[in-house]
C-alpha cells in the first residue's frame, strides 16, 4: 500500500539523506530490532508452546523467506533448532 503523496515522500528522503552514514545505520539497526521484537512477540502469542529456539528458527524463516527456497529455509531452520551451544 502506498498512499503517501509524492511531495511527502520527497521530503522524507531529503530528511533521511541529510543524516550521517552512522545515523542511518543506527536507525536501520533500531528498526531491525523493533521488527524482530514485534515478530517474536506475535509468534509467542500465537504459539505459546514454542521453545525459544523454535521461535528464533521461525523468525529466521520470516526474515529470509524471499532469499532462500522453502526447502533451504527449512533446512536452515532445522539446523537452528538443533544447534548445540557449547
PDB file of N, CA and C in Angstrom:
ATOM      1  N   UNK A   1       0.845  -1.172   0.000  1.00  0.00           N
ATOM      2  CA  UNK A   1       0.000   0.000   0.000  1.00  0.00           C
ATOM      3  C   UNK A   1       0.891   1.236   0.000  1.00  0.00           C
ATOM      4  N   UNK A   2       0.627   2.145  -0.903  1.00  0.00           N
ATOM      5  CA  UNK A   2       1.419   3.362  -0.974  1.00  0.00           C
ATOM      6  C   UNK A   2       0.468   4.530  -1.178  1.00  0.00           C
ATOM      7  N   UNK A   3       0.024   5.106  -0.067  1.00  0.00           N
ATOM      8  CA  UNK A   3      -0.925   6.214  -0.160  1.00  0.00           C
ATOM      9  C   UNK A   3      -0.304   7.548   0.250  1.00  0.00           C
ATOM     10  N   UNK A   4       1.026   7.579   0.366  1.00  0.00           N
ATOM     11  CA  UNK A   4       1.717   8.807   0.734  1.00  0.00           C
ATOM     12  C   UNK A   4       1.950   9.648  -0.518  1.00  0.00           C
ATOM     13  N   UNK A   5       1.555  10.918  -0.482  1.00  0.00           N
ATOM     14  CA  UNK A   5       1.775  11.780  -1.646  1.00  0.00           C
ATOM     15  C   UNK A   5       3.267  11.897  -1.983  1.00  0.00           C
ATOM     16  N   UNK A   6       3.548  12.060  -3.264  1.00  0.00           N
ATOM     17  CA  UNK A   6       4.941  12.123  -3.721  1.00  0.00           C
ATOM     18  C   UNK A   6       5.730  13.240  -3.063  1.00  0.00           C
ATOM     19  N   UNK A   7       5.111  14.396  -2.835  1.00  0.00           N
ATOM     20  CA  UNK A   7       5.867  15.506  -2.243  1.00  0.00           C
ATOM     21  C   UNK A   7       6.247  15.194  -0.786  1.00  0.00           C
ATOM     22  N   UNK A   8       5.448  14.398  -0.108  1.00  0.00           N
ATOM     23  CA  UNK A   8       5.780  13.987   1.259  1.00  0.00           C
ATOM     24  C   UNK A   8       6.910  12.963   1.232  1.00  0.00           C
ATOM     25  N   UNK A   9       6.840  12.020   0.314  1.00  0.00           N
ATOM     26  CA  UNK A   9       7.927  11.049   0.163  1.00  0.00           C
ATOM     27  C   UNK A   9       9.247  11.746  -0.145  1.00  0.00           C
ATOM     28  N   UNK A  10       9.192  12.746  -1.004  1.00  0.00           N
ATOM     29  CA  UNK A  10      10.390  13.502  -1.352  1.00  0.00           C
ATOM     30  C   UNK A  10      10.974  14.193  -0.123  1.00  0.00           C
ATOM     31  N   UNK A  11      10.119  14.771   0.703  1.00  0.00           N
ATOM     32  CA  UNK A  11      10.563  15.447   1.925  1.00  0.00           C
ATOM     33  C   UNK A  11      11.198  14.435   2.887  1.00  0.00           C
ATOM     34  N   UNK A  12      10.592  13.254   3.007  1.00  0.00           N
ATOM     35  CA  UNK A  12      11.153  12.215   3.864  1.00  0.00           C
ATOM     36  C   UNK A  12      12.554  11.818   3.389  1.00  0.00           C
ATOM     37  N   UNK A  13      12.715  11.650   2.079  1.00  0.00           N
ATOM     38  CA  UNK A  13      14.024  11.303   1.529  1.00  0.00           C
ATOM     39  C   UNK A  13      15.053  12.402   1.785  1.00  0.00           C
ATOM     40  N   UNK A  14      14.646  13.652   1.683  1.00  0.00           N
ATOM     41  CA  UNK A  14      15.560  14.762   1.962  1.00  0.00           C
ATOM     42  C   UNK A  14      16.046  14.711   3.409  1.00  0.00           C
ATOM     43  N   UNK A  15      15.133  14.441   4.320  1.00  0.00           N
ATOM     44  CA  UNK A  15      15.486  14.366   5.747  1.00  0.00           C
ATOM     45  C   UNK A  15      16.448  13.206   5.992  1.00  0.00           C
ATOM     46  N   UNK A  16      16.136  12.064   5.417  1.00  0.00           N
ATOM     47  CA  UNK A  16      16.996  10.888   5.592  1.00  0.00           C
ATOM     48  C   UNK A  16      18.370  11.127   5.001  1.00  0.00           C
ATOM     49  N   UNK A  17      18.432  11.734   3.819  1.00  0.00           N
ATOM     50  CA  UNK A  17      19.717  11.952   3.149  1.00  0.00           C
ATOM     51  C   UNK A  17      20.599  12.961   3.863  1.00  0.00           C
ATOM     52  N   UNK A  18      20.029  13.791   4.724  1.00  0.00           N
ATOM     53  CA  UNK A  18      20.821  14.755   5.491  1.00  0.00           C
ATOM     54  C   UNK A  18      21.535  14.100   6.671  1.00  0.00           C
ATOM     55  N   UNK A  19      21.113  12.911   7.055  1.00  0.00           N
ATOM     56  CA  UNK A  19      21.741  12.215   8.173  1.00  0.00           C
ATOM     57  C   UNK A  19      23.101  11.668   7.769  1.00  0.00           C
ATOM     58  N   UNK A  20      23.966  11.535   8.766  1.00  0.00           N
ATOM     59  CA  UNK A  20      25.270  10.927   8.507  1.00  0.00           C
ATOM     60  C   UNK A  20      25.078   9.432   8.274  1.00  0.00           C
ATOM     61  N   UNK A  21      26.101   8.797   7.709  1.00  0.00           N
ATOM     62  CA  UNK A  21      26.021   7.353   7.482  1.00  0.00           C
ATOM     63  C   UNK A  21      25.837   6.617   8.813  1.00  0.00           C
ATOM     64  N   UNK A  22      26.530   7.068   9.842  1.00  0.00           N
ATOM     65  CA  UNK A  22      26.405   6.429  11.157  1.00  0.00           C
ATOM     66  C   UNK A  22      24.977   6.536  11.681  1.00  0.00           C
ATOM     67  N   UNK A  23      24.338   7.683  11.500  1.00  0.00           N
ATOM     68  CA  UNK A  23      22.955   7.861  11.941  1.00  0.00           C
ATOM     69  C   UNK A  23      22.006   6.961  11.144  1.00  0.00           C
ATOM     70  N   UNK A  24      22.256   6.854   9.853  1.00  0.00           N
ATOM     71  CA  UNK A  24      21.420   5.986   9.017  1.00  0.00           C
ATOM     72  C   UNK A  24      21.544   4.533   9.455  1.00  0.00           C
ATOM     73  N   UNK A  25      22.762   4.075   9.728  1.00  0.00           N
ATOM     74  CA  UNK A  25      22.976   2.699  10.159  1.00  0.00           C
ATOM     75  C   UNK A  25      22.339   2.465  11.529  1.00  0.00           C
ATOM     76  N   UNK A  26      22.507   3.415  12.438  1.00  0.00           N
ATOM     77  CA  UNK A  26      21.916   3.290  13.765  1.00  0.00           C
ATOM     78  C   UNK A  26      20.395   3.174  13.680  1.00  0.00           C
ATOM     79  N   UNK A  27      19.791   3.990  12.848  1.00  0.00           N
ATOM     80  CA  UNK A  27      18.333   3.948  12.685  1.00  0.00           C
ATOM     81  C   UNK A  27      17.901   2.628  12.056  1.00  0.00           C
ATOM     82  N   UNK A  28      18.651   2.159  11.068  1.00  0.00           N
ATOM     83  CA  UNK A  28      18.347   0.889  10.434  1.00  0.00           C
ATOM     84  C   UNK A  28      18.412  -0.249  11.452  1.00  0.00           C
ATOM     85  N   UNK A  29      19.437  -0.238  12.311  1.00  0.00           N
ATOM     86  CA  UNK A  29      19.568  -1.272  13.341  1.00  0.00           C
ATOM     87  C   UNK A  29      18.425  -1.203  14.351  1.00  0.00           C
ATOM     88  N   UNK A  30      18.033   0.013  14.733  1.00  0.00           N
ATOM     89  CA  UNK A  30      16.903   0.180  15.650  1.00  0.00           C
ATOM     90  C   UNK A  30      15.621  -0.388  15.051  1.00  0.00           C
ATOM     91  N   UNK A  31      15.364  -0.098  13.790  1.00  0.00           N
ATOM     92  CA  UNK A  31      14.163  -0.592  13.134  1.00  0.00           C
ATOM     93  C   UNK A  31      14.192  -2.106  12.964  1.00  0.00           C
ATOM     94  N   UNK A  32      15.364  -2.650  12.683  1.00  0.00           N
ATOM     95  CA  UNK A  32      15.502  -4.096  12.559  1.00  0.00           C
ATOM     96  C   UNK A  32      15.204  -4.766  13.897  1.00  0.00           C
ATOM     97  N   UNK A  33      15.751  -4.224  14.975  1.00  0.00           N
ATOM     98  CA  UNK A  33      15.496  -4.789  16.298  1.00  0.00           C
ATOM     99  C   UNK A  33      14.021  -4.654  16.685  1.00  0.00           C
ATOM    100  N   UNK A  34      13.418  -3.537  16.344  1.00  0.00           N
ATOM    101  CA  UNK A  34      12.000  -3.340  16.632  1.00  0.00           C
ATOM    102  C   UNK A  34      11.155  -4.377  15.884  1.00  0.00           C
ATOM    103  N   UNK A  35      11.439  -4.571  14.607  1.00  0.00           N
ATOM    104  CA  UNK A  35      10.666  -5.546  13.837  1.00  0.00           C
ATOM    105  C   UNK A  35      10.887  -6.956  14.380  1.00  0.00           C
ATOM    106  N   UNK A  36      12.112  -7.266  14.779  1.00  0.00           N
ATOM    107  CA  UNK A  36      12.416  -8.571  15.367  1.00  0.00           C
ATOM    108  C   UNK A  36      11.589  -8.780  16.638  1.00  0.00           C
ATOM    109  N   UNK A  37      11.549  -7.792  17.490  1.00  0.00           N
ATOM    110  CA  UNK A  37      10.795  -7.874  18.739  1.00  0.00           C
ATOM    111  C   UNK A  37       9.305  -8.050  18.480  1.00  0.00           C
ATOM    112  N   UNK A  38       8.766  -7.278  17.547  1.00  0.00           N
ATOM    113  CA  UNK A  38       7.337  -7.364  17.228  1.00  0.00           C
ATOM    114  C   UNK A  38       6.982  -8.750  16.698  1.00  0.00           C
ATOM    115  N   UNK A  39       7.796  -9.259  15.777  1.00  0.00           N
ATOM    116  CA  UNK A  39       7.518 -10.571  15.186  1.00  0.00           C
ATOM    117  C   UNK A  39       7.631 -11.664  16.236  1.00  0.00           C
ATOM    118  N   UNK A  40       8.666 -11.614  17.089  1.00  0.00           N
ATOM    119  CA  UNK A  40       8.797 -12.630  18.137  1.00  0.00           C
ATOM    120  C   UNK A  40       7.621 -12.582  19.105  1.00  0.00           C
ATOM    121  N   UNK A  41       7.188 -11.386  19.462  1.00  0.00           N
ATOM    122  CA  UNK A  41       6.021 -11.256  20.347  1.00  0.00           C
ATOM    123  C   UNK A  41       4.777 -11.859  19.711  1.00  0.00           C
ATOM    124  N   UNK A  42       4.583 -11.627  18.422  1.00  0.00           N
ATOM    125  CA  UNK A  42       3.438 -12.203  17.716  1.00  0.00           C
ATOM    126  C   UNK A  42       3.525 -13.727  17.679  1.00  0.00           C
ATOM    127  N   UNK A  43       4.708 -14.243  17.429  1.00  0.00           N
ATOM    128  CA  UNK A  43       4.891 -15.693  17.407  1.00  0.00           C
ATOM    129  C   UNK A  43       4.633 -16.293  18.785  1.00  0.00           C
ATOM    130  N   UNK A  44       5.137 -15.642  19.839  1.00  0.00           N
ATOM    131  CA  UNK A  44       4.906 -16.132  21.209  1.00  0.00           C
ATOM    132  C   UNK A  44       3.413 -16.160  21.535  1.00  0.00           C
ATOM    133  N   UNK A  45       2.708 -15.131  21.106  1.00  0.00           N
ATOM    134  CA  UNK A  45       1.270 -15.065  21.378  1.00  0.00           C
ATOM    135  C   UNK A  45       0.517 -16.161  20.617  1.00  0.00           C
ATOM    136  N   UNK A  46       0.900 -16.354  19.378  1.00  0.00           N
ATOM    137  CA  UNK A  46       0.216 -17.335  18.537  1.00  0.00           C
ATOM    138  C   UNK A  46       0.604 -18.771  18.889  1.00  0.00           C
ATOM    139  N   UNK A  47       1.847 -18.956  19.341  1.00  0.00           N
ATOM    140  CA  UNK A  47       2.375 -20.297  19.629  1.00  0.00           C
ATOM    141  C   UNK A  47       3.063 -20.306  20.996  1.00  0.00           C
ATOM    142  N   UNK A  48       2.308 -20.209  22.081  1.00  0.00           N
ATOM    143  CA  UNK A  48       2.923 -20.132  23.413  1.00  0.00           C
ATOM    144  C   UNK A  48       3.719 -21.384  23.793  1.00  0.00           C
ATOM    145  N   UNK A  49       3.472 -22.483  23.104  1.00  0.00           N
ATOM    146  CA  UNK A  49       4.166 -23.733  23.404  1.00  0.00           C
ATOM    147  C   UNK A  49       5.563 -23.801  22.787  1.00  0.00           C
ATOM    148  N   UNK A  50       5.888 -22.883  21.891  1.00  0.00           N
ATOM    149  CA  UNK A  50       7.181 -22.922  21.189  1.00  0.00           C
ATOM    150  C   UNK A  50       8.339 -22.582  22.123  1.00  0.00           C
ATOM    151  N   UNK A  51       9.416 -23.329  21.940  1.00  0.00           N
ATOM    152  CA  UNK A  51      10.643 -23.024  22.672  1.00  0.00           C
ATOM    153  C   UNK A  51      11.285 -21.769  22.062  1.00  0.00           C
ATOM    154  N   UNK A  52      12.222 -21.211  22.795  1.00  0.00           N
ATOM    155  CA  UNK A  52      12.917 -20.013  22.304  1.00  0.00           C
ATOM    156  C   UNK A  52      13.667 -20.322  21.004  1.00  0.00           C
ATOM    157  N   UNK A  53      14.252 -21.492  20.942  1.00  0.00           N
ATOM    158  CA  UNK A  53      14.990 -21.893  19.739  1.00  0.00           C
ATOM    159  C   UNK A  53      14.042 -22.045  18.552  1.00  0.00           C
ATOM    160  N   UNK A  54      12.850 -22.612  18.775  1.00  0.00           N
ATOM    161  CA  UNK A  54      11.858 -22.727  17.702  1.00  0.00           C
ATOM    162  C   UNK A  54      11.403 -21.342  17.241  1.00  0.00           C
ATOM    163  N   UNK A  55      11.245 -20.430  18.177  1.00  0.00           N
ATOM    164  CA  UNK A  55      10.850 -19.064  17.824  1.00  0.00           C
ATOM    165  C   UNK A  55      11.899 -18.403  16.938  1.00  0.00           C
ATOM    166  N   UNK A  56      13.168 -18.584  17.295  1.00  0.00           N
ATOM    167  CA  UNK A  56      14.257 -17.995  16.502  1.00  0.00           C
ATOM    168  C   UNK A  56      14.300 -18.618  15.108  1.00  0.00           C
ATOM    169  N   UNK A  57      14.052 -19.921  15.015  1.00  0.00           N
ATOM    170  CA  UNK A  57      14.027 -20.584  13.711  1.00  0.00           C
ATOM    171  C   UNK A  57      12.891 -20.032  12.854  1.00  0.00           C
ATOM    172  N   UNK A  58      11.731 -19.837  13.454  1.00  0.00           N
ATOM    173  CA  UNK A  58      10.597 -19.275  12.711  1.00  0.00           C
ATOM    174  C   UNK A  58      10.860 -17.818  12.316  1.00  0.00           C
ATOM    175  N   UNK A  59      11.485 -17.080  13.200  1.00  0.00           N
ATOM    176  CA  UNK A  59      11.858 -15.692  12.882  1.00  0.00           C
ATOM    177  C   UNK A  59      12.792 -15.665  11.674  1.00  0.00           C
ATOM    178  N   UNK A  60      13.765 -16.561  11.661  1.00  0.00           N
ATOM    179  CA  UNK A  60      14.674 -16.660  10.520  1.00  0.00           C
ATOM    180  C   UNK A  60      13.891 -16.900   9.236  1.00  0.00           C
ATOM    181  N   UNK A  61      12.953 -17.832   9.292  1.00  0.00           N
ATOM    182  CA  UNK A  61      12.159 -18.155   8.102  1.00  0.00           C
ATOM    183  C   UNK A  61      11.350 -16.951   7.622  1.00  0.00           C
ATOM    184  N   UNK A  62      10.859 -16.157   8.543  1.00  0.00           N
ATOM    185  CA  UNK A  62      10.094 -14.965   8.164  1.00  0.00           C
ATOM    186  C   UNK A  62      11.019 -13.918   7.538  1.00  0.00           C
ATOM    187  N   UNK A  63      12.143 -13.664   8.187  1.00  0.00           N
ATOM    188  CA  UNK A  63      13.063 -12.637   7.686  1.00  0.00           C
ATOM    189  C   UNK A  63      13.654 -12.980   6.324  1.00  0.00           C
ATOM    190  N   UNK A  64      13.924 -14.261   6.087  1.00  0.00           N
ATOM    191  CA  UNK A  64      14.663 -14.654   4.885  1.00  0.00           C
ATOM    192  C   UNK A  64      13.825 -15.445   3.884  1.00  0.00           C
ATOM    193  N   UNK A  65      12.499 -15.351   3.991  1.00  0.00           N
ATOM    194  CA  UNK A  65      11.620 -16.126   3.106  1.00  0.00           C
ATOM    195  C   UNK A  65      11.789 -15.769   1.635  1.00  0.00           C
ATOM    196  N   UNK A  66      12.278 -14.576   1.336  1.00  0.00           N
ATOM    197  CA  UNK A  66      12.473 -14.176  -0.057  1.00  0.00           C
ATOM    198  C   UNK A  66      13.899 -14.421  -0.549  1.00  0.00           C
ATOM    199  N   UNK A  67      14.753 -14.900   0.348  1.00  0.00           N
ATOM    200  CA  UNK A  67      16.164 -15.090  -0.009  1.00  0.00           C
ATOM    201  C   UNK A  67      16.542 -16.550  -0.244  1.00  0.00           C
ATOM    202  N   UNK A  68      15.732 -17.473   0.255  1.00  0.00           N
ATOM    203  CA  UNK A  68      16.016 -18.899   0.124  1.00  0.00           C
ATOM    204  C   UNK A  68      14.771 -19.621  -0.379  1.00  0.00           C
ATOM    205  N   UNK A  69      14.984 -20.759  -0.970  1.00  0.00           N
ATOM    206  CA  UNK A  69      13.854 -21.601  -1.349  1.00  0.00           C
ATOM    207  C   UNK A  69      13.211 -22.134  -0.065  1.00  0.00           C
ATOM    208  N   UNK A  70      11.941 -22.539  -0.137  1.00  0.00           N
ATOM    209  CA  UNK A  70      11.312 -23.116   1.059  1.00  0.00           C
ATOM    210  C   UNK A  70      12.088 -24.318   1.609  1.00  0.00           C
ATOM    211  N   UNK A  71      12.636 -25.132   0.722  1.00  0.00           N
ATOM    212  CA  UNK A  71      13.407 -26.295   1.163  1.00  0.00           C
ATOM    213  C   UNK A  71      14.651 -25.876   1.935  1.00  0.00           C
ATOM    214  N   UNK A  72      15.380 -24.903   1.407  1.00  0.00           N
ATOM    215  CA  UNK A  72      16.597 -24.425   2.071  1.00  0.00           C
ATOM    216  C   UNK A  72      16.256 -23.732   3.385  1.00  0.00           C
ATOM    217  N   UNK A  73      15.166 -22.956   3.395  1.00  0.00           N
ATOM    218  CA  UNK A  73      14.724 -22.320   4.638  1.00  0.00           C
ATOM    219  C   UNK A  73      14.478 -23.356   5.726  1.00  0.00           C
ATOM    220  N   UNK A  74      13.797 -24.441   5.369  1.00  0.00           N
ATOM    221  CA  UNK A  74      13.503 -25.480   6.345  1.00  0.00           C
ATOM    222  C   UNK A  74      14.768 -26.171   6.844  1.00  0.00           C
ATOM    223  N   UNK A  75      15.722 -26.379   5.953  1.00  0.00           N
ATOM    224  CA  UNK A  75      16.991 -26.989   6.352  1.00  0.00           C
ATOM    225  C   UNK A  75      17.718 -26.087   7.346  1.00  0.00           C
ATOM    226  N   UNK A  76      17.791 -24.804   7.034  1.00  0.00           N
ATOM    227  CA  UNK A  76      18.477 -23.864   7.919  1.00  0.00           C
ATOM    228  C   UNK A  76      17.736 -23.748   9.249  1.00  0.00           C
ATOM    229  N   UNK A  77      16.414 -23.642   9.191  1.00  0.00           N
ATOM    230  CA  UNK A  77      15.622 -23.540  10.419  1.00  0.00           C
ATOM    231  C   UNK A  77      15.833 -24.772  11.296  1.00  0.00           C
ATOM    232  N   UNK A  78      15.885 -25.932  10.682  1.00  0.00           N
ATOM    233  CA  UNK A  78      16.117 -27.155  11.457  1.00  0.00           C
ATOM    234  C   UNK A  78      17.496 -27.133  12.102  1.00  0.00           C
ATOM    235  N   UNK A  79      18.490 -26.624  11.386  1.00  0.00           N
ATOM    236  CA  UNK A  79      19.835 -26.547  11.974  1.00  0.00           C
ATOM    237  C   UNK A  79      19.861 -25.552  13.136  1.00  0.00           C
ATOM    238  N   UNK A  80      19.044 -24.510  13.066  1.00  0.00           N
ATOM    239  CA  UNK A  80      18.933 -23.568  14.192  1.00  0.00           C
ATOM    240  C   UNK A  80      18.329 -24.284  15.394  1.00  0.00           C
ATOM    241  N   UNK A  81      17.307 -25.059  15.153  1.00  0.00           N
ATOM    242  CA  UNK A  81      16.649 -25.809  16.247  1.00  0.00           C
ATOM    243  C   UNK A  81      17.588 -26.802  16.895  1.00  0.00           C
ATOM    244  N   UNK A  82      18.456 -27.422  16.099  1.00  0.00           N
ATOM    245  CA  UNK A  82      19.344 -28.484  16.594  1.00  0.00           C
ATOM    246  C   UNK A  82      20.683 -27.960  17.106  1.00  0.00           C
ATOM    247  N   UNK A  83      20.995 -26.692  16.902  1.00  0.00           N
ATOM    248  CA  UNK A  83      22.294 -26.147  17.265  1.00  0.00           C
ATOM    249  C   UNK A  83      22.584 -26.357  18.746  1.00  0.00           C
ATOM    250  N   UNK A  84      23.738 -26.887  19.036  1.00  0.00           N
ATOM    251  CA  UNK A  84      24.143 -27.138  20.423  1.00  0.00           C
ATOM    252  C   UNK A  84      25.126 -26.058  20.847  1.00  0.00           C
ATOM    253  N   UNK A  85      24.792 -25.377  21.917  1.00  0.00           N
ATOM    254  CA  UNK A  85      25.674 -24.345  22.461  1.00  0.00           C
ATOM    255  C   UNK A  85      26.671 -25.043  23.373  1.00  0.00           C
ATOM    256  N   UNK A  86      27.947 -24.772  23.132  1.00  0.00           N
ATOM    257  CA  UNK A  86      28.964 -25.451  23.962  1.00  0.00           C
ATOM    258  C   UNK A  86      29.422 -24.580  25.108  1.00  0.00           C
TER     259      UNK A  86
END
